[in-house]
Structure formats: C-alpha cells, structure tokens
Amino acid sequence: MTDRIRILVVDDHPMVAEGIQSILESYDDIDVVGTLGDGQAVVDQLDRLCPDVILMDLNMPGMGGLTATEVVLEQRPDTRILILSMHDSPEYVSSALTHGAMGYVLKDVPTDEIRTAIDTVMRGERYLCTGAEGALEPKSVSVSRSLTNREQTILLQLAQGRSNKEVALALDISVRTVETHRKNIKRKLGISTTAGLTRYAMEHGVLQGTGVSI
C-alpha cells in the first residue's frame, strides 16, 4: 500500500488519545498526524493536518464532537469521521450518523476492531461496532436521516431543479463542495440520477421540517 492513511485523534483525555495513538502507530501504513482535545482545535488545524480519518470523541469541552463533525464536513467533505465513544445508547449512535459520521466505535473494543473500522470508512462504507449496532433497532435510522443537515439542504436545492452552480451560489459554497455533497447523497441513497433524487425527496419526505415543500 503506497498511500499512508492520515489519522487525527480527538479526545479531551490525554491518556486515551495517547493510548490510541500508540496503537495506531504500530501499523506501517498509518500516520497519526496529531492528537487534539476539543472540536475547535480540529477546525482550526484541519487544513494544516489534512487527515483522511478523524477518530472523534463526542463529549468534549467547548465544541463537542457532533458540531465538530458537521463543521469538518463543511470544510473538507471527503474526510471520514469515526466516532470513538463510551456511550452505546441509540440516541448517541443515531445522532452521530445524522451529523455525518461514517462510523461509531465504542472505546472498549479490541485494537483490531479500530483498525477494521478505519479500513471500512476509508472504502466509503459505514461501520458500526457490535455494541453500537446493537443499540439501533432495525430501520430506526432511515436512509434519509443518514444525510447530514447540509446534505438535506442541498437535496432540497437539487430537487427544485437547481444546478450545482446555482446551489453553490445560494449556499455560498464552492461548486466542488456541492459536487462532493451531491456524490455523497447519491451514494447514501443509492440513487444515480438527479431525477431519482427529486422523486426520492417527494416520496420519502426527507425535506419535512425544512419549511419548504416541493
């Protein structure tokens, strides 16, 4: 494997962060680019560190993991967020996925499972460890809820027939960012066409609560 995976560890407990760093550094194809203690530090150093995967704690002082996840994905949509938490309740797991995390791993999992989770999200697939997966009842997190708030906003724009350029202008983001979000939306929903996105939006009510009807 020629490309090394750049990992950022974010946890407000230094011993936890250093322990995870030590585990990950035992792999030849992983570079731990840093350990940080809160979400704001992640946002501030994101462009400098350029991580492929962020192992993100949920409960931290200042900006927590959920908010940081959304902000990170706004700035660098291709970043994979893997929540590493001690909480296994359905509310925590579903909230993490709704905010854009691609995986959820409990802190007491075996070392090799953290590696498996990293490899899985690097392939663009969702990963839930056994404890987290068991916290979700079947279909309790619908496909539409797996879209982040920003993705739902962009889906609304696309469903109204707007082009990538028009969406970028309306939301004050780059066309490239819109294209990345659009690709992620299609992947999550398993839809390949814009017409399919429009039909999905109308049939599944993913835009309910936005104050806009199609």
C-alpha atoms as a PDB file:
ATOM      1  CA  MET A   1       0.000   0.000   0.000  1.00  0.00           C
ATOM      2  CA  THR A   2       1.658   3.179  -1.179  1.00  0.00           C
ATOM      3  CA  ASP A   3      -0.687   5.774   0.298  1.00  0.00           C
ATOM      4  CA  ARG A   4      -0.467   6.019   4.054  1.00  0.00           C
ATOM      5  CA  ILE A   5      -3.664   6.746   5.976  1.00  0.00           C
ATOM      6  CA  ARG A   6      -3.525  10.046   7.850  1.00  0.00           C
ATOM      7  CA  ILE A   7      -5.316   9.767  11.202  1.00  0.00           C
ATOM      8  CA  LEU A   8      -6.226  12.543  13.642  1.00  0.00           C
ATOM      9  CA  VAL A   9      -7.182  11.518  17.192  1.00  0.00           C
ATOM     10  CA  VAL A  10      -9.510  13.865  19.077  1.00  0.00           C
ATOM     11  CA  ASP A  11     -10.222  13.214  22.765  1.00  0.00           C
ATOM     12  CA  ASP A  12     -10.128  15.521  25.784  1.00  0.00           C
ATOM     13  CA  HIS A  13      -8.470  12.830  27.903  1.00  0.00           C
ATOM     14  CA  PRO A  14      -4.740  12.860  27.009  1.00  0.00           C
ATOM     15  CA  MET A  15      -4.146   9.313  28.243  1.00  0.00           C
ATOM     16  CA  VAL A  16      -6.906   7.998  25.988  1.00  0.00           C
ATOM     17  CA  ALA A  17      -5.628   9.942  22.978  1.00  0.00           C
ATOM     18  CA  GLU A  18      -2.044   8.835  23.572  1.00  0.00           C
ATOM     19  CA  GLY A  19      -3.123   5.228  24.013  1.00  0.00           C
ATOM     20  CA  ILE A  20      -4.988   5.239  20.704  1.00  0.00           C
ATOM     21  CA  GLN A  21      -2.043   6.968  19.034  1.00  0.00           C
ATOM     22  CA  SER A  22       0.323   4.280  20.310  1.00  0.00           C
ATOM     23  CA  ILE A  23      -1.954   1.533  18.970  1.00  0.00           C
ATOM     24  CA  LEU A  24      -2.304   3.106  15.537  1.00  0.00           C
ATOM     25  CA  GLU A  25       1.386   3.871  15.163  1.00  0.00           C
ATOM     26  CA  SER A  26       2.083   0.137  15.306  1.00  0.00           C
ATOM     27  CA  TYR A  27       0.681  -0.123  11.774  1.00  0.00           C
ATOM     28  CA  ASP A  28       3.132   0.560   8.952  1.00  0.00           C
ATOM     29  CA  ASP A  29       0.558   2.220   6.692  1.00  0.00           C
ATOM     30  CA  ILE A  30      -0.880   4.675   9.239  1.00  0.00           C
ATOM     31  CA  ASP A  31       0.390   8.129  10.151  1.00  0.00           C
ATOM     32  CA  VAL A  32      -1.084   9.768  13.254  1.00  0.00           C
ATOM     33  CA  VAL A  33      -0.905  13.425  12.244  1.00  0.00           C
ATOM     34  CA  GLY A  34      -1.908  14.735  15.667  1.00  0.00           C
ATOM     35  CA  THR A  35      -3.889  14.402  18.892  1.00  0.00           C
ATOM     36  CA  LEU A  36      -6.245  17.212  19.887  1.00  0.00           C
ATOM     37  CA  GLY A  37      -8.514  17.805  22.875  1.00  0.00           C
ATOM     38  CA  ASP A  38     -11.571  19.605  21.509  1.00  0.00           C
ATOM     39  CA  GLY A  39     -13.587  20.258  18.392  1.00  0.00           C
ATOM     40  CA  GLN A  40     -12.483  23.844  17.877  1.00  0.00           C
ATOM     41  CA  ALA A  41      -8.859  22.738  17.703  1.00  0.00           C
ATOM     42  CA  VAL A  42      -9.827  20.293  14.951  1.00  0.00           C
ATOM     43  CA  VAL A  43     -11.492  23.043  12.924  1.00  0.00           C
ATOM     44  CA  ASP A  44      -8.558  25.407  13.447  1.00  0.00           C
ATOM     45  CA  GLN A  45      -5.946  22.863  12.339  1.00  0.00           C
ATOM     46  CA  LEU A  46      -7.907  20.921   9.739  1.00  0.00           C
ATOM     47  CA  ASP A  47      -6.250  22.416   6.658  1.00  0.00           C
ATOM     48  CA  ARG A  48      -2.782  22.037   8.157  1.00  0.00           C
ATOM     49  CA  LEU A  49      -3.180  18.409   9.252  1.00  0.00           C
ATOM     50  CA  CYS A  50      -5.307  17.186   6.300  1.00  0.00           C
ATOM     51  CA  PRO A  51      -6.458  13.928   7.974  1.00  0.00           C
ATOM     52  CA  ASP A  52      -8.095  11.154   5.973  1.00  0.00           C
ATOM     53  CA  VAL A  53      -9.887   9.842   9.056  1.00  0.00           C
ATOM     54  CA  ILE A  54     -10.695  11.595  12.329  1.00  0.00           C
ATOM     55  CA  LEU A  55     -11.296   9.465  15.432  1.00  0.00           C
ATOM     56  CA  MET A  56     -13.640  11.834  17.259  1.00  0.00           C
ATOM     57  CA  ASP A  57     -14.833  11.739  20.858  1.00  0.00           C
ATOM     58  CA  LEU A  58     -18.369  13.051  21.431  1.00  0.00           C
ATOM     59  CA  ASN A  59     -18.318  14.832  24.760  1.00  0.00           C
ATOM     60  CA  MET A  60     -15.558  17.450  24.935  1.00  0.00           C
ATOM     61  CA  PRO A  61     -15.311  20.934  26.435  1.00  0.00           C
ATOM     62  CA  GLY A  62     -16.188  23.787  24.106  1.00  0.00           C
ATOM     63  CA  MET A  63     -17.096  22.435  20.682  1.00  0.00           C
ATOM     64  CA  GLY A  64     -18.225  18.837  21.023  1.00  0.00           C
ATOM     65  CA  GLY A  65     -17.802  16.002  18.575  1.00  0.00           C
ATOM     66  CA  LEU A  66     -21.153  16.346  16.792  1.00  0.00           C
ATOM     67  CA  THR A  67     -20.734  20.027  15.992  1.00  0.00           C
ATOM     68  CA  ALA A  68     -17.116  19.486  15.009  1.00  0.00           C
ATOM     69  CA  THR A  69     -18.174  16.684  12.671  1.00  0.00           C
ATOM     70  CA  GLU A  70     -20.578  18.953  10.796  1.00  0.00           C
ATOM     71  CA  VAL A  71     -18.066  21.808  10.546  1.00  0.00           C
ATOM     72  CA  VAL A  72     -15.284  19.493   9.366  1.00  0.00           C
ATOM     73  CA  LEU A  73     -17.502  18.035   6.642  1.00  0.00           C
ATOM     74  CA  GLU A  74     -18.471  21.544   5.559  1.00  0.00           C
ATOM     75  CA  GLN A  75     -14.804  22.408   5.058  1.00  0.00           C
ATOM     76  CA  ARG A  76     -13.475  19.059   3.841  1.00  0.00           C
ATOM     77  CA  PRO A  77     -16.392  16.838   2.731  1.00  0.00           C
ATOM     78  CA  ASP A  78     -14.169  13.862   1.882  1.00  0.00           C
ATOM     79  CA  THR A  79     -12.930  13.496   5.467  1.00  0.00           C
ATOM     80  CA  ARG A  80     -14.120  10.315   7.180  1.00  0.00           C
ATOM     81  CA  ILE A  81     -15.341  10.821  10.741  1.00  0.00           C
ATOM     82  CA  LEU A  82     -15.235   7.801  13.031  1.00  0.00           C
ATOM     83  CA  ILE A  83     -16.834   8.422  16.421  1.00  0.00           C
ATOM     84  CA  LEU A  84     -14.976   6.782  19.288  1.00  0.00           C
ATOM     85  CA  SER A  85     -17.184   6.919  22.368  1.00  0.00           C
ATOM     86  CA  MET A  86     -18.076   5.221  25.634  1.00  0.00           C
ATOM     87  CA  HIS A  87     -21.817   5.740  25.000  1.00  0.00           C
ATOM     88  CA  ASP A  88     -23.783   2.947  23.311  1.00  0.00           C
ATOM     89  CA  SER A  89     -27.322   4.353  23.560  1.00  0.00           C
ATOM     90  CA  PRO A  90     -29.386   4.584  20.344  1.00  0.00           C
ATOM     91  CA  GLU A  91     -29.648   8.357  20.736  1.00  0.00           C
ATOM     92  CA  TYR A  92     -25.879   8.833  20.629  1.00  0.00           C
ATOM     93  CA  VAL A  93     -25.378   6.446  17.721  1.00  0.00           C
ATOM     94  CA  SER A  94     -28.183   7.830  15.563  1.00  0.00           C
ATOM     95  CA  SER A  95     -27.170  11.441  16.276  1.00  0.00           C
ATOM     96  CA  ALA A  96     -23.609  10.724  15.209  1.00  0.00           C
ATOM     97  CA  LEU A  97     -24.759   9.194  11.934  1.00  0.00           C
ATOM     98  CA  THR A  98     -27.209  12.021  11.307  1.00  0.00           C
ATOM     99  CA  HIS A  99     -24.436  14.571  11.757  1.00  0.00           C
ATOM    100  CA  GLY A 100     -22.361  12.855   9.079  1.00  0.00           C
ATOM    101  CA  ALA A 101     -20.134  10.381  10.915  1.00  0.00           C
ATOM    102  CA  MET A 102     -19.355   7.291   8.824  1.00  0.00           C
ATOM    103  CA  GLY A 103     -18.723   5.037  11.785  1.00  0.00           C
ATOM    104  CA  TYR A 104     -19.240   4.537  15.504  1.00  0.00           C
ATOM    105  CA  VAL A 105     -16.903   2.525  17.710  1.00  0.00           C
ATOM    106  CA  LEU A 106     -17.020   2.023  21.461  1.00  0.00           C
ATOM    107  CA  LYS A 107     -13.823   2.758  23.357  1.00  0.00           C
ATOM    108  CA  ASP A 108     -13.626  -0.717  24.859  1.00  0.00           C
ATOM    109  CA  VAL A 109     -13.436  -2.578  21.531  1.00  0.00           C
ATOM    110  CA  PRO A 110     -10.362  -4.696  20.724  1.00  0.00           C
ATOM    111  CA  THR A 111      -7.488  -2.946  18.983  1.00  0.00           C
ATOM    112  CA  ASP A 112      -8.000  -4.789  15.720  1.00  0.00           C
ATOM    113  CA  GLU A 113     -11.601  -3.584  15.523  1.00  0.00           C
ATOM    114  CA  ILE A 114     -10.460   0.044  15.451  1.00  0.00           C
ATOM    115  CA  ARG A 115      -8.260  -0.873  12.503  1.00  0.00           C
ATOM    116  CA  THR A 116     -11.168  -2.640  10.803  1.00  0.00           C
ATOM    117  CA  ALA A 117     -13.340   0.443  11.317  1.00  0.00           C
ATOM    118  CA  ILE A 118     -10.684   2.685   9.750  1.00  0.00           C
ATOM    119  CA  ASP A 119     -10.323   0.417   6.722  1.00  0.00           C
ATOM    120  CA  THR A 120     -14.099   0.251   6.304  1.00  0.00           C
ATOM    121  CA  VAL A 121     -14.710   4.005   6.306  1.00  0.00           C
ATOM    122  CA  MET A 122     -11.713   4.506   4.024  1.00  0.00           C
ATOM    123  CA  ARG A 123     -13.597   2.365   1.494  1.00  0.00           C
ATOM    124  CA  GLY A 124     -16.515   4.760   1.828  1.00  0.00           C
ATOM    125  CA  GLU A 125     -18.632   2.300   3.822  1.00  0.00           C
ATOM    126  CA  ARG A 126     -20.352   2.797   7.168  1.00  0.00           C
ATOM    127  CA  TYR A 127     -19.019   0.919  10.196  1.00  0.00           C
ATOM    128  CA  LEU A 128     -20.782   0.232  13.481  1.00  0.00           C
ATOM    129  CA  CYS A 129     -19.093  -1.896  16.108  1.00  0.00           C
ATOM    130  CA  THR A 130     -21.131  -4.721  17.628  1.00  0.00           C
ATOM    131  CA  GLY A 131     -22.192  -2.747  20.697  1.00  0.00           C
ATOM    132  CA  ALA A 132     -23.206   0.309  18.697  1.00  0.00           C
ATOM    133  CA  GLU A 133     -25.001  -1.724  16.045  1.00  0.00           C
ATOM    134  CA  GLY A 134     -26.978  -3.491  18.721  1.00  0.00           C
ATOM    135  CA  ALA A 135     -28.122  -0.141  20.087  1.00  0.00           C
ATOM    136  CA  LEU A 136     -30.019   0.528  16.870  1.00  0.00           C
ATOM    137  CA  GLU A 137     -33.280  -1.256  16.313  1.00  0.00           C
ATOM    138  CA  PRO A 138     -33.820  -2.352  12.700  1.00  0.00           C
ATOM    139  CA  LYS A 139     -34.574   0.621  10.455  1.00  0.00           C
ATOM    140  CA  SER A 140     -34.557   3.045  13.417  1.00  0.00           C
ATOM    141  CA  VAL A 141     -32.148   5.206  11.446  1.00  0.00           C
ATOM    142  CA  SER A 142     -33.660   5.628   7.996  1.00  0.00           C
ATOM    143  CA  VAL A 143     -31.548   6.263   4.930  1.00  0.00           C
ATOM    144  CA  SER A 144     -32.820   9.822   4.726  1.00  0.00           C
ATOM    145  CA  ARG A 145     -31.815  10.520   8.330  1.00  0.00           C
ATOM    146  CA  SER A 146     -28.294   9.395   7.487  1.00  0.00           C
ATOM    147  CA  LEU A 147     -27.999  12.589   5.433  1.00  0.00           C
ATOM    148  CA  THR A 148     -26.371  15.480   7.272  1.00  0.00           C
ATOM    149  CA  ASN A 149     -28.249  18.751   7.678  1.00  0.00           C
ATOM    150  CA  ARG A 150     -26.190  20.259   4.864  1.00  0.00           C
ATOM    151  CA  GLU A 151     -26.867  17.285   2.590  1.00  0.00           C
ATOM    152  CA  GLN A 152     -30.596  17.614   3.219  1.00  0.00           C
ATOM    153  CA  THR A 153     -30.376  21.320   2.352  1.00  0.00           C
ATOM    154  CA  ILE A 154     -28.535  20.522  -0.877  1.00  0.00           C
ATOM    155  CA  LEU A 155     -31.003  17.739  -1.681  1.00  0.00           C
ATOM    156  CA  LEU A 156     -33.772  20.322  -1.353  1.00  0.00           C
ATOM    157  CA  GLN A 157     -31.984  22.633  -3.786  1.00  0.00           C
ATOM    158  CA  LEU A 158     -31.315  19.847  -6.297  1.00  0.00           C
ATOM    159  CA  ALA A 159     -34.873  18.578  -6.061  1.00  0.00           C
ATOM    160  CA  GLN A 160     -36.044  22.057  -7.088  1.00  0.00           C
ATOM    161  CA  GLY A 161     -34.081  21.665 -10.304  1.00  0.00           C
ATOM    162  CA  ARG A 162     -31.133  23.911  -9.475  1.00  0.00           C
ATOM    163  CA  SER A 163     -27.711  23.311 -10.982  1.00  0.00           C
ATOM    164  CA  ASN A 164     -24.534  22.766  -8.942  1.00  0.00           C
ATOM    165  CA  LYS A 165     -23.518  26.350  -9.716  1.00  0.00           C
ATOM    166  CA  GLU A 166     -26.877  27.727  -8.560  1.00  0.00           C
ATOM    167  CA  VAL A 167     -26.735  25.683  -5.357  1.00  0.00           C
ATOM    168  CA  ALA A 168     -23.177  26.873  -4.687  1.00  0.00           C
ATOM    169  CA  LEU A 169     -24.243  30.484  -5.145  1.00  0.00           C
ATOM    170  CA  ALA A 170     -27.320  30.104  -2.936  1.00  0.00           C
ATOM    171  CA  LEU A 171     -25.399  28.449  -0.088  1.00  0.00           C
ATOM    172  CA  ASP A 172     -22.182  30.460  -0.518  1.00  0.00           C
ATOM    173  CA  ILE A 173     -20.010  27.386  -1.001  1.00  0.00           C
ATOM    174  CA  SER A 174     -17.821  26.207  -3.880  1.00  0.00           C
ATOM    175  CA  VAL A 175     -19.161  24.242  -6.845  1.00  0.00           C
ATOM    176  CA  ARG A 176     -16.666  21.499  -5.982  1.00  0.00           C
ATOM    177  CA  THR A 177     -18.154  21.219  -2.479  1.00  0.00           C
ATOM    178  CA  VAL A 178     -21.644  20.932  -3.951  1.00  0.00           C
ATOM    179  CA  GLU A 179     -20.431  18.210  -6.322  1.00  0.00           C
ATOM    180  CA  THR A 180     -18.887  16.277  -3.429  1.00  0.00           C
ATOM    181  CA  HIS A 181     -22.068  16.546  -1.351  1.00  0.00           C
ATOM    182  CA  ARG A 182     -24.132  15.510  -4.368  1.00  0.00           C
ATOM    183  CA  LYS A 183     -21.948  12.435  -4.853  1.00  0.00           C
ATOM    184  CA  ASN A 184     -22.276  11.529  -1.162  1.00  0.00           C
ATOM    185  CA  ILE A 185     -26.060  11.990  -1.252  1.00  0.00           C
ATOM    186  CA  LYS A 186     -26.373   9.700  -4.276  1.00  0.00           C
ATOM    187  CA  ARG A 187     -24.122   7.109  -2.626  1.00  0.00           C
ATOM    188  CA  LYS A 188     -26.076   7.146   0.641  1.00  0.00           C
ATOM    189  CA  LEU A 189     -29.447   6.930  -1.084  1.00  0.00           C
ATOM    190  CA  GLY A 190     -28.323   4.514  -3.795  1.00  0.00           C
ATOM    191  CA  ILE A 191     -29.593   6.872  -6.498  1.00  0.00           C
ATOM    192  CA  SER A 192     -27.666   7.662  -9.662  1.00  0.00           C
ATOM    193  CA  THR A 193     -29.708  10.435 -11.306  1.00  0.00           C
ATOM    194  CA  THR A 194     -30.963  13.893 -10.384  1.00  0.00           C
ATOM    195  CA  ALA A 195     -34.473  12.842 -11.396  1.00  0.00           C
ATOM    196  CA  GLY A 196     -34.176   9.991  -8.932  1.00  0.00           C
ATOM    197  CA  LEU A 197     -33.159  12.412  -6.185  1.00  0.00           C
ATOM    198  CA  THR A 198     -36.192  14.577  -6.918  1.00  0.00           C
ATOM    199  CA  ARG A 199     -38.518  11.582  -6.854  1.00  0.00           C
ATOM    200  CA  TYR A 200     -36.961  10.340  -3.612  1.00  0.00           C
ATOM    201  CA  ALA A 201     -37.347  13.747  -1.963  1.00  0.00           C
ATOM    202  CA  MET A 202     -41.018  13.881  -2.908  1.00  0.00           C
ATOM    203  CA  GLU A 203     -41.860  10.300  -1.943  1.00  0.00           C
ATOM    204  CA  HIS A 204     -39.923   9.951   1.295  1.00  0.00           C
ATOM    205  CA  GLY A 205     -40.479  13.299   2.969  1.00  0.00           C
ATOM    206  CA  VAL A 206     -36.804  13.903   3.654  1.00  0.00           C
ATOM    207  CA  LEU A 207     -37.478  17.629   3.409  1.00  0.00           C
ATOM    208  CA  GLN A 208     -40.148  17.713   6.094  1.00  0.00           C
ATOM    209  CA  GLY A 209     -39.340  20.266   8.728  1.00  0.00           C
ATOM    210  CA  THR A 210     -37.372  22.483   6.367  1.00  0.00           C
ATOM    211  CA  GLY A 211     -40.299  24.806   5.851  1.00  0.00           C
ATOM    212  CA  VAL A 212     -40.163  24.206   2.093  1.00  0.00           C
ATOM    213  CA  SER A 213     -42.366  21.909   0.077  1.00  0.00           C
ATOM    214  CA  ILE A 214     -41.718  20.578  -3.363  1.00  0.00           C
END
